[in-house]
Amino acid sequence: MTAVPEFAFVRAAACRDKKVGNCPEVALNIPGVVALRDSERPDTIVTMTTDQWTTLAGAIKAGEFDLSA
């Protein structure tokens, strides 16, 4: 059985306000791995490589996932 790493999840500054509901949380403390989860579903964790994270972040910044379009 493979041990599950201990991820240290953090929220974006905008999500640290108690008035904000669920927020995405990101963990970058394991070298080469980025872990994501929804604060309302903390037991469901998605992982990706740092290269995959860089590609995803670039696509988001470029507007590829703009829901208002």
PDB file of N, CA and C in Angstrom:
ATOM      1  N   MET A   1       0.838  -1.186   0.000  1.00  0.00           N
ATOM      2  CA  MET A   1       0.000   0.000   0.000  1.00  0.00           C
ATOM      3  C   MET A   1       0.882   1.248   0.000  1.00  0.00           C
ATOM      4  N   THR A   2       0.535   2.213  -0.836  1.00  0.00           N
ATOM      5  CA  THR A   2       1.306   3.443  -0.953  1.00  0.00           C
ATOM      6  C   THR A   2       0.846   4.448   0.092  1.00  0.00           C
ATOM      7  N   ALA A   3       1.794   5.071   0.772  1.00  0.00           N
ATOM      8  CA  ALA A   3       1.455   6.081   1.769  1.00  0.00           C
ATOM      9  C   ALA A   3       0.964   7.357   1.088  1.00  0.00           C
ATOM     10  N   VAL A   4      -0.044   7.968   1.665  1.00  0.00           N
ATOM     11  CA  VAL A   4      -0.582   9.222   1.144  1.00  0.00           C
ATOM     12  C   VAL A   4       0.241  10.367   1.739  1.00  0.00           C
ATOM     13  N   PRO A   5       0.762  11.264   0.890  1.00  0.00           N
ATOM     14  CA  PRO A   5       1.558  12.368   1.421  1.00  0.00           C
ATOM     15  C   PRO A   5       0.713  13.298   2.290  1.00  0.00           C
ATOM     16  N   GLU A   6       1.361  13.988   3.181  1.00  0.00           N
ATOM     17  CA  GLU A   6       0.686  14.958   4.047  1.00  0.00           C
ATOM     18  C   GLU A   6       0.727  16.321   3.355  1.00  0.00           C
ATOM     19  N   PHE A   7      -0.357  16.664   2.694  1.00  0.00           N
ATOM     20  CA  PHE A   7      -0.430  17.937   1.983  1.00  0.00           C
ATOM     21  C   PHE A   7      -0.762  19.066   2.946  1.00  0.00           C
ATOM     22  N   ALA A   8      -0.113  20.209   2.749  1.00  0.00           N
ATOM     23  CA  ALA A   8      -0.385  21.422   3.538  1.00  0.00           C
ATOM     24  C   ALA A   8      -1.170  22.373   2.643  1.00  0.00           C
ATOM     25  N   PHE A   9      -2.496  22.302   2.725  1.00  0.00           N
ATOM     26  CA  PHE A   9      -3.358  23.097   1.854  1.00  0.00           C
ATOM     27  C   PHE A   9      -3.482  24.537   2.345  1.00  0.00           C
ATOM     28  N   VAL A  10      -3.531  25.458   1.387  1.00  0.00           N
ATOM     29  CA  VAL A  10      -3.745  26.882   1.678  1.00  0.00           C
ATOM     30  C   VAL A  10      -4.830  27.405   0.741  1.00  0.00           C
ATOM     31  N   ARG A  11      -5.434  28.507   1.140  1.00  0.00           N
ATOM     32  CA  ARG A  11      -6.456  29.172   0.331  1.00  0.00           C
ATOM     33  C   ARG A  11      -5.920  30.496  -0.173  1.00  0.00           C
ATOM     34  N   ALA A  12      -6.479  30.959  -1.270  1.00  0.00           N
ATOM     35  CA  ALA A  12      -6.140  32.297  -1.767  1.00  0.00           C
ATOM     36  C   ALA A  12      -6.590  33.333  -0.734  1.00  0.00           C
ATOM     37  N   ALA A  13      -5.963  34.479  -0.741  1.00  0.00           N
ATOM     38  CA  ALA A  13      -6.281  35.534   0.227  1.00  0.00           C
ATOM     39  C   ALA A  13      -7.771  35.877   0.226  1.00  0.00           C
ATOM     40  N   ALA A  14      -8.397  35.909  -0.938  1.00  0.00           N
ATOM     41  CA  ALA A  14      -9.820  36.255  -1.028  1.00  0.00           C
ATOM     42  C   ALA A  14     -10.700  35.237  -0.300  1.00  0.00           C
ATOM     43  N   CYS A  15     -10.231  34.027  -0.159  1.00  0.00           N
ATOM     44  CA  CYS A  15     -11.010  32.965   0.479  1.00  0.00           C
ATOM     45  C   CYS A  15     -10.781  32.874   1.988  1.00  0.00           C
ATOM     46  N   ARG A  16      -9.901  33.656   2.508  1.00  0.00           N
ATOM     47  CA  ARG A  16      -9.623  33.598   3.944  1.00  0.00           C
ATOM     48  C   ARG A  16     -10.657  34.371   4.755  1.00  0.00           C
ATOM     49  N   ASP A  17     -11.501  35.127   4.081  1.00  0.00           N
ATOM     50  CA  ASP A  17     -12.579  35.873   4.737  1.00  0.00           C
ATOM     51  C   ASP A  17     -13.650  34.878   5.179  1.00  0.00           C
ATOM     52  N   LYS A  18     -14.075  34.941   6.427  1.00  0.00           N
ATOM     53  CA  LYS A  18     -15.064  34.010   6.974  1.00  0.00           C
ATOM     54  C   LYS A  18     -16.393  34.077   6.225  1.00  0.00           C
ATOM     55  N   LYS A  19     -16.675  35.201   5.530  1.00  0.00           N
ATOM     56  CA  LYS A  19     -17.938  35.356   4.807  1.00  0.00           C
ATOM     57  C   LYS A  19     -17.951  34.581   3.490  1.00  0.00           C
ATOM     58  N   VAL A  20     -16.775  34.165   3.028  1.00  0.00           N
ATOM     59  CA  VAL A  20     -16.664  33.440   1.759  1.00  0.00           C
ATOM     60  C   VAL A  20     -16.911  31.962   2.026  1.00  0.00           C
ATOM     61  N   GLY A  21     -17.724  31.340   1.195  1.00  0.00           N
ATOM     62  CA  GLY A  21     -18.035  29.920   1.360  1.00  0.00           C
ATOM     63  C   GLY A  21     -16.909  29.026   0.903  1.00  0.00           C
ATOM     64  N   ASN A  22     -17.263  28.037   0.104  1.00  0.00           N
ATOM     65  CA  ASN A  22     -16.239  27.081  -0.309  1.00  0.00           C
ATOM     66  C   ASN A  22     -15.230  27.730  -1.246  1.00  0.00           C
ATOM     67  N   CYS A  23     -14.019  27.248  -1.155  1.00  0.00           N
ATOM     68  CA  CYS A  23     -12.920  27.780  -1.954  1.00  0.00           C
ATOM     69  C   CYS A  23     -11.999  26.659  -2.374  1.00  0.00           C
ATOM     70  N   PRO A  24     -11.339  26.837  -3.511  1.00  0.00           N
ATOM     71  CA  PRO A  24     -10.309  25.859  -3.856  1.00  0.00           C
ATOM     72  C   PRO A  24      -9.117  26.025  -2.920  1.00  0.00           C
ATOM     73  N   GLU A  25      -8.486  24.929  -2.601  1.00  0.00           N
ATOM     74  CA  GLU A  25      -7.298  24.932  -1.765  1.00  0.00           C
ATOM     75  C   GLU A  25      -6.182  24.232  -2.534  1.00  0.00           C
ATOM     76  N   VAL A  26      -4.969  24.735  -2.373  1.00  0.00           N
ATOM     77  CA  VAL A  26      -3.818  24.226  -3.113  1.00  0.00           C
ATOM     78  C   VAL A  26      -2.705  23.869  -2.129  1.00  0.00           C
ATOM     79  N   ALA A  27      -2.036  22.761  -2.394  1.00  0.00           N
ATOM     80  CA  ALA A  27      -0.866  22.369  -1.598  1.00  0.00           C
ATOM     81  C   ALA A  27       0.332  22.258  -2.526  1.00  0.00           C
ATOM     82  N   LEU A  28       1.417  22.906  -2.138  1.00  0.00           N
ATOM     83  CA  LEU A  28       2.644  22.906  -2.943  1.00  0.00           C
ATOM     84  C   LEU A  28       3.840  22.375  -2.147  1.00  0.00           C
ATOM     85  N   ASN A  29       3.582  21.735  -1.015  1.00  0.00           N
ATOM     86  CA  ASN A  29       4.662  21.352  -0.118  1.00  0.00           C
ATOM     87  C   ASN A  29       5.353  20.036  -0.457  1.00  0.00           C
ATOM     88  N   ILE A  30       4.837  19.286  -1.421  1.00  0.00           N
ATOM     89  CA  ILE A  30       5.476  18.033  -1.841  1.00  0.00           C
ATOM     90  C   ILE A  30       6.200  18.312  -3.164  1.00  0.00           C
ATOM     91  N   PRO A  31       7.517  18.173  -3.210  1.00  0.00           N
ATOM     92  CA  PRO A  31       8.263  18.487  -4.437  1.00  0.00           C
ATOM     93  C   PRO A  31       7.716  17.750  -5.662  1.00  0.00           C
ATOM     94  N   GLY A  32       7.477  18.513  -6.736  1.00  0.00           N
ATOM     95  CA  GLY A  32       7.028  17.941  -7.992  1.00  0.00           C
ATOM     96  C   GLY A  32       5.539  17.662  -8.083  1.00  0.00           C
ATOM     97  N   VAL A  33       4.792  17.932  -6.997  1.00  0.00           N
ATOM     98  CA  VAL A  33       3.359  17.634  -6.961  1.00  0.00           C
ATOM     99  C   VAL A  33       2.572  18.876  -6.541  1.00  0.00           C
ATOM    100  N   VAL A  34       1.465  19.114  -7.238  1.00  0.00           N
ATOM    101  CA  VAL A  34       0.508  20.139  -6.837  1.00  0.00           C
ATOM    102  C   VAL A  34      -0.779  19.396  -6.516  1.00  0.00           C
ATOM    103  N   ALA A  35      -1.339  19.651  -5.340  1.00  0.00           N
ATOM    104  CA  ALA A  35      -2.585  19.005  -4.928  1.00  0.00           C
ATOM    105  C   ALA A  35      -3.670  20.063  -4.813  1.00  0.00           C
ATOM    106  N   LEU A  36      -4.866  19.713  -5.289  1.00  0.00           N
ATOM    107  CA  LEU A  36      -6.014  20.615  -5.248  1.00  0.00           C
ATOM    108  C   LEU A  36      -7.172  19.930  -4.543  1.00  0.00           C
ATOM    109  N   ARG A  37      -7.984  20.723  -3.839  1.00  0.00           N
ATOM    110  CA  ARG A  37      -9.216  20.203  -3.264  1.00  0.00           C
ATOM    111  C   ARG A  37     -10.199  21.349  -3.075  1.00  0.00           C
ATOM    112  N   ASP A  38     -11.444  20.997  -2.893  1.00  0.00           N
ATOM    113  CA  ASP A  38     -12.513  21.949  -2.611  1.00  0.00           C
ATOM    114  C   ASP A  38     -12.691  21.957  -1.099  1.00  0.00           C
ATOM    115  N   SER A  39     -12.773  23.130  -0.492  1.00  0.00           N
ATOM    116  CA  SER A  39     -12.881  23.199   0.963  1.00  0.00           C
ATOM    117  C   SER A  39     -14.133  22.499   1.491  1.00  0.00           C
ATOM    118  N   GLU A  40     -15.160  22.354   0.661  1.00  0.00           N
ATOM    119  CA  GLU A  40     -16.373  21.655   1.098  1.00  0.00           C
ATOM    120  C   GLU A  40     -16.271  20.142   0.893  1.00  0.00           C
ATOM    121  N   ARG A  41     -15.242  19.688   0.172  1.00  0.00           N
ATOM    122  CA  ARG A  41     -15.018  18.260  -0.048  1.00  0.00           C
ATOM    123  C   ARG A  41     -13.536  17.941   0.199  1.00  0.00           C
ATOM    124  N   PRO A  42     -13.072  18.132   1.415  1.00  0.00           N
ATOM    125  CA  PRO A  42     -11.634  18.006   1.686  1.00  0.00           C
ATOM    126  C   PRO A  42     -11.066  16.602   1.500  1.00  0.00           C
ATOM    127  N   ASP A  43     -11.912  15.587   1.446  1.00  0.00           N
ATOM    128  CA  ASP A  43     -11.405  14.223   1.270  1.00  0.00           C
ATOM    129  C   ASP A  43     -11.135  13.865  -0.187  1.00  0.00           C
ATOM    130  N   THR A  44     -11.589  14.717  -1.110  1.00  0.00           N
ATOM    131  CA  THR A  44     -11.350  14.479  -2.537  1.00  0.00           C
ATOM    132  C   THR A  44     -10.193  15.365  -2.983  1.00  0.00           C
ATOM    133  N   ILE A  45      -9.078  14.752  -3.294  1.00  0.00           N
ATOM    134  CA  ILE A  45      -7.857  15.478  -3.653  1.00  0.00           C
ATOM    135  C   ILE A  45      -7.448  15.090  -5.068  1.00  0.00           C
ATOM    136  N   VAL A  46      -7.167  16.093  -5.875  1.00  0.00           N
ATOM    137  CA  VAL A  46      -6.669  15.894  -7.231  1.00  0.00           C
ATOM    138  C   VAL A  46      -5.201  16.326  -7.240  1.00  0.00           C
ATOM    139  N   THR A  47      -4.343  15.491  -7.805  1.00  0.00           N
ATOM    140  CA  THR A  47      -2.924  15.856  -7.882  1.00  0.00           C
ATOM    141  C   THR A  47      -2.496  15.959  -9.336  1.00  0.00           C
ATOM    142  N   MET A  48      -1.471  16.741  -9.546  1.00  0.00           N
ATOM    143  CA  MET A  48      -0.867  16.889 -10.871  1.00  0.00           C
ATOM    144  C   MET A  48       0.596  17.240 -10.699  1.00  0.00           C
ATOM    145  N   THR A  49       1.333  17.117 -11.780  1.00  0.00           N
ATOM    146  CA  THR A  49       2.743  17.499 -11.741  1.00  0.00           C
ATOM    147  C   THR A  49       2.835  19.030 -11.773  1.00  0.00           C
ATOM    148  N   THR A  50       4.008  19.526 -11.451  1.00  0.00           N
ATOM    149  CA  THR A  50       4.198  20.974 -11.507  1.00  0.00           C
ATOM    150  C   THR A  50       4.115  21.478 -12.948  1.00  0.00           C
ATOM    151  N   ASP A  51       4.541  20.668 -13.910  1.00  0.00           N
ATOM    152  CA  ASP A  51       4.407  21.053 -15.326  1.00  0.00           C
ATOM    153  C   ASP A  51       2.936  21.140 -15.729  1.00  0.00           C
ATOM    154  N   GLN A  52       2.129  20.184 -15.281  1.00  0.00           N
ATOM    155  CA  GLN A  52       0.697  20.229 -15.573  1.00  0.00           C
ATOM    156  C   GLN A  52       0.057  21.459 -14.932  1.00  0.00           C
ATOM    157  N   TRP A  53       0.469  21.783 -13.708  1.00  0.00           N
ATOM    158  CA  TRP A  53      -0.049  22.968 -13.014  1.00  0.00           C
ATOM    159  C   TRP A  53       0.302  24.237 -13.796  1.00  0.00           C
ATOM    160  N   THR A  54       1.526  24.320 -14.273  1.00  0.00           N
ATOM    161  CA  THR A  54       1.961  25.488 -15.048  1.00  0.00           C
ATOM    162  C   THR A  54       1.130  25.630 -16.319  1.00  0.00           C
ATOM    163  N   THR A  55       0.865  24.511 -16.985  1.00  0.00           N
ATOM    164  CA  THR A  55       0.032  24.529 -18.194  1.00  0.00           C
ATOM    165  C   THR A  55      -1.387  24.973 -17.858  1.00  0.00           C
ATOM    166  N   LEU A  56      -1.967  24.429 -16.809  1.00  0.00           N
ATOM    167  CA  LEU A  56      -3.324  24.802 -16.393  1.00  0.00           C
ATOM    168  C   LEU A  56      -3.402  26.279 -16.016  1.00  0.00           C
ATOM    169  N   ALA A  57      -2.455  26.742 -15.203  1.00  0.00           N
ATOM    170  CA  ALA A  57      -2.460  28.150 -14.789  1.00  0.00           C
ATOM    171  C   ALA A  57      -2.326  29.080 -15.991  1.00  0.00           C
ATOM    172  N   GLY A  58      -1.484  28.726 -16.946  1.00  0.00           N
ATOM    173  CA  GLY A  58      -1.339  29.533 -18.160  1.00  0.00           C
ATOM    174  C   GLY A  58      -2.625  29.591 -18.963  1.00  0.00           C
ATOM    175  N   ALA A  59      -3.315  28.455 -19.075  1.00  0.00           N
ATOM    176  CA  ALA A  59      -4.588  28.419 -19.803  1.00  0.00           C
ATOM    177  C   ALA A  59      -5.646  29.266 -19.104  1.00  0.00           C
ATOM    178  N   ILE A  60      -5.676  29.215 -17.791  1.00  0.00           N
ATOM    179  CA  ILE A  60      -6.635  30.033 -17.034  1.00  0.00           C
ATOM    180  C   ILE A  60      -6.327  31.513 -17.239  1.00  0.00           C
ATOM    181  N   LYS A  61      -5.067  31.880 -17.112  1.00  0.00           N
ATOM    182  CA  LYS A  61      -4.676  33.284 -17.309  1.00  0.00           C
ATOM    183  C   LYS A  61      -4.995  33.762 -18.726  1.00  0.00           C
ATOM    184  N   ALA A  62      -4.912  32.862 -19.712  1.00  0.00           N
ATOM    185  CA  ALA A  62      -5.180  33.221 -21.104  1.00  0.00           C
ATOM    186  C   ALA A  62      -6.682  33.270 -21.412  1.00  0.00           C
ATOM    187  N   GLY A  63      -7.505  32.908 -20.441  1.00  0.00           N
ATOM    188  CA  GLY A  63      -8.952  32.986 -20.631  1.00  0.00           C
ATOM    189  C   GLY A  63      -9.585  31.750 -21.242  1.00  0.00           C
ATOM    190  N   GLU A  64      -8.846  30.649 -21.353  1.00  0.00           N
ATOM    191  CA  GLU A  64      -9.390  29.443 -21.968  1.00  0.00           C
ATOM    192  C   GLU A  64     -10.569  28.856 -21.199  1.00  0.00           C
ATOM    193  N   PHE A  65     -10.658  29.149 -19.926  1.00  0.00           N
ATOM    194  CA  PHE A  65     -11.740  28.592 -19.099  1.00  0.00           C
ATOM    195  C   PHE A  65     -12.643  29.706 -18.557  1.00  0.00           C
ATOM    196  N   ASP A  66     -12.763  30.768 -19.302  1.00  0.00           N
ATOM    197  CA  ASP A  66     -13.580  31.910 -18.878  1.00  0.00           C
ATOM    198  C   ASP A  66     -15.058  31.526 -18.974  1.00  0.00           C
ATOM    199  N   LEU A  67     -15.712  31.409 -17.844  1.00  0.00           N
ATOM    200  CA  LEU A  67     -17.124  31.009 -17.816  1.00  0.00           C
ATOM    201  C   LEU A  67     -18.073  32.121 -18.254  1.00  0.00           C
ATOM    202  N   SER A  68     -17.571  33.335 -18.328  1.00  0.00           N
ATOM    203  CA  SER A  68     -18.446  34.456 -18.720  1.00  0.00           C
ATOM    204  C   SER A  68     -18.504  34.616 -20.246  1.00  0.00           C
ATOM    205  N   ALA A  69     -17.700  33.858 -20.958  1.00  0.00           N
ATOM    206  CA  ALA A  69     -17.660  33.981 -22.428  1.00  0.00           C
ATOM    207  C   ALA A  69     -18.855  33.306 -23.062  1.00  0.00           C
TER     208      ALA A  69
END
